[in-house]
Protein backbone atom coordinates (compact mmCIF):
# COMPACT_ATOMS: atom_id res chain seq x y z
CA GLU A 1 -12.09 -17.19 -10.09
CA PRO A 2 -10.85 -18.18 -6.53
CA PHE A 3 -13.08 -17.48 -3.58
CA LEU A 4 -11.92 -14.64 -1.39
CA ARG A 5 -12.82 -14.47 2.32
CA HIS A 6 -14.43 -11.33 3.73
CA VAL A 7 -11.14 -10.40 5.43
CA GLU A 8 -9.14 -10.84 2.20
CA LYS A 9 -11.59 -8.74 0.11
CA ASP A 10 -12.22 -6.02 2.63
CA VAL A 11 -8.98 -5.79 4.70
CA LEU A 12 -5.94 -7.48 3.05
CA ILE A 13 -6.38 -6.40 -0.62
CA PRO A 14 -7.30 -2.83 0.42
CA LYS A 15 -4.12 -2.64 2.73
CA ARG A 16 -2.04 -3.69 -0.23
CA MET A 17 -3.73 -1.01 -2.34
CA ARG A 18 -2.99 1.67 0.22
CA GLU A 19 0.73 0.66 0.38
CA LYS A 20 1.07 0.62 -3.41
CA ALA A 21 -0.88 3.87 -3.85
CA LYS A 22 1.47 5.52 -1.37
CA GLU A 23 4.48 4.24 -3.33
CA ARG A 24 2.93 5.66 -6.61
CA CYS A 25 2.03 8.96 -4.91
CA VAL A 26 5.43 9.32 -3.29
CA GLU A 27 6.02 12.99 -4.24
CA LYS A 28 2.71 14.15 -2.73
CA VAL A 29 3.48 11.93 0.42
CA GLU A 30 6.78 13.55 0.74
CA ALA A 31 5.46 17.06 0.25
CA PHE A 32 2.74 16.55 2.83
CA ASN A 33 5.24 14.98 5.33
CA HIS A 34 7.64 17.94 4.78
CA CYS A 35 4.82 20.53 5.31
CA CYS A 36 3.78 18.67 8.47
CA LYS A 37 7.33 18.80 9.88
CA GLU A 38 7.86 22.44 9.02
CA SER A 39 4.47 23.63 10.43
CA GLY A 40 4.21 21.78 13.79
CA PHE A 41 0.98 22.44 15.49
CA LEU A 42 -0.32 24.65 12.69
CA MET A 43 -0.08 21.70 10.07
CA VAL A 44 -3.83 21.43 9.89
CA LEU A 45 -4.10 24.98 8.65
CA LYS A 46 -1.00 25.28 6.72
CA CYS A 47 -0.92 21.82 4.84
CA ARG A 48 -4.30 21.82 3.45
CA GLU A 49 -3.13 22.06 -0.12
CA GLN A 50 -0.67 19.33 0.28
CA ASN A 51 -3.14 17.21 2.09
CA ALA A 52 -5.80 17.67 -0.62
CA ALA A 53 -3.30 16.79 -3.39
CA LEU A 54 -2.30 13.67 -1.48
CA LYS A 55 -5.96 12.60 -0.94
CA GLU A 56 -6.71 13.06 -4.63
CA CYS A 57 -3.78 10.98 -5.78
CA LEU A 58 -4.52 8.22 -3.35
CA THR A 59 -8.35 8.27 -4.09
CA THR A 60 -7.64 8.05 -7.81
CA TYR A 61 -5.98 4.60 -7.13
CA TYR A 62 -8.51 3.43 -4.55
CA LYS A 63 -11.31 3.93 -7.10
CA ASP A 64 -9.55 2.34 -10.07
CA PRO A 65 -10.91 -1.17 -10.77
CA VAL A 66 -7.81 -2.01 -12.75
CA PHE A 67 -5.54 -1.09 -9.82
CA TYR A 68 -7.77 -3.29 -7.60
CA GLU A 69 -7.58 -6.19 -9.88
CA GLU A 70 -3.61 -5.75 -10.03
CA CYS A 71 -3.48 -5.76 -6.23
CA LYS A 72 -5.72 -8.79 -5.89
CA GLN A 73 -3.74 -10.78 -8.44
CA GLU A 74 -0.61 -10.03 -6.49
CA TYR A 75 -2.28 -11.04 -3.31
CA LEU A 76 -3.53 -14.28 -4.98
CA GLN A 77 -0.02 -15.14 -6.16
CA GLU A 78 1.52 -14.53 -2.73
CA LYS A 79 -1.30 -16.67 -1.15
CA ALA A 80 -0.75 -19.56 -3.58
CA GLU A 81 3.06 -19.33 -2.96
CA PHE A 82 2.48 -19.50 0.68
CA GLU A 83 0.15 -22.46 0.37
CA LYS A 84 2.91 -24.31 -1.65
CA THR A 85 5.94 -23.39 0.49
CA GLY A 86 4.43 -22.65 4.00
CA ILE A 87 6.79 -19.64 4.10
CA PRO A 88 5.48 -16.09 4.34
CA THR A 89 6.52 -13.65 1.74
CA LYS A 90 8.33 -11.43 4.20
CA LYS A 91 10.49 -14.33 5.35
CA ARG A 92 11.15 -15.47 1.67
CA GLN A 93 12.44 -11.96 0.86
CA GLN A 94 14.88 -12.06 3.68
CA LYS A 95 18.35 -12.91 2.61
CA LEU A 96 19.84 -16.09 3.88
CA PRO A 97 23.16 -15.84 5.74
CA THR A 98 26.19 -16.37 3.45
CA SER A 99 28.51 -18.02 5.98
CA MET A 100 27.25 -21.15 7.52
């Protein structure tokens, strides 16, 4: 089991969890965003139901130890790849220019 620094355990992996949870709760995110756009200043009152559904969906993932482990393993794979290549994931995923 690799050692994780405080920032990895408490910041980087939870950030990955939030991003992935939003992807998995995309319908709820879209419903909440749509409601907010339609409601303007009254969104706090009008969008409670959508907000509650979104929170419930996200919280399900945040509390899931299997999901945490999945995100942790992805993080560790990216970290190992970076240590091998010195290239951050974002740069690796960018397409190289075809004409040189």
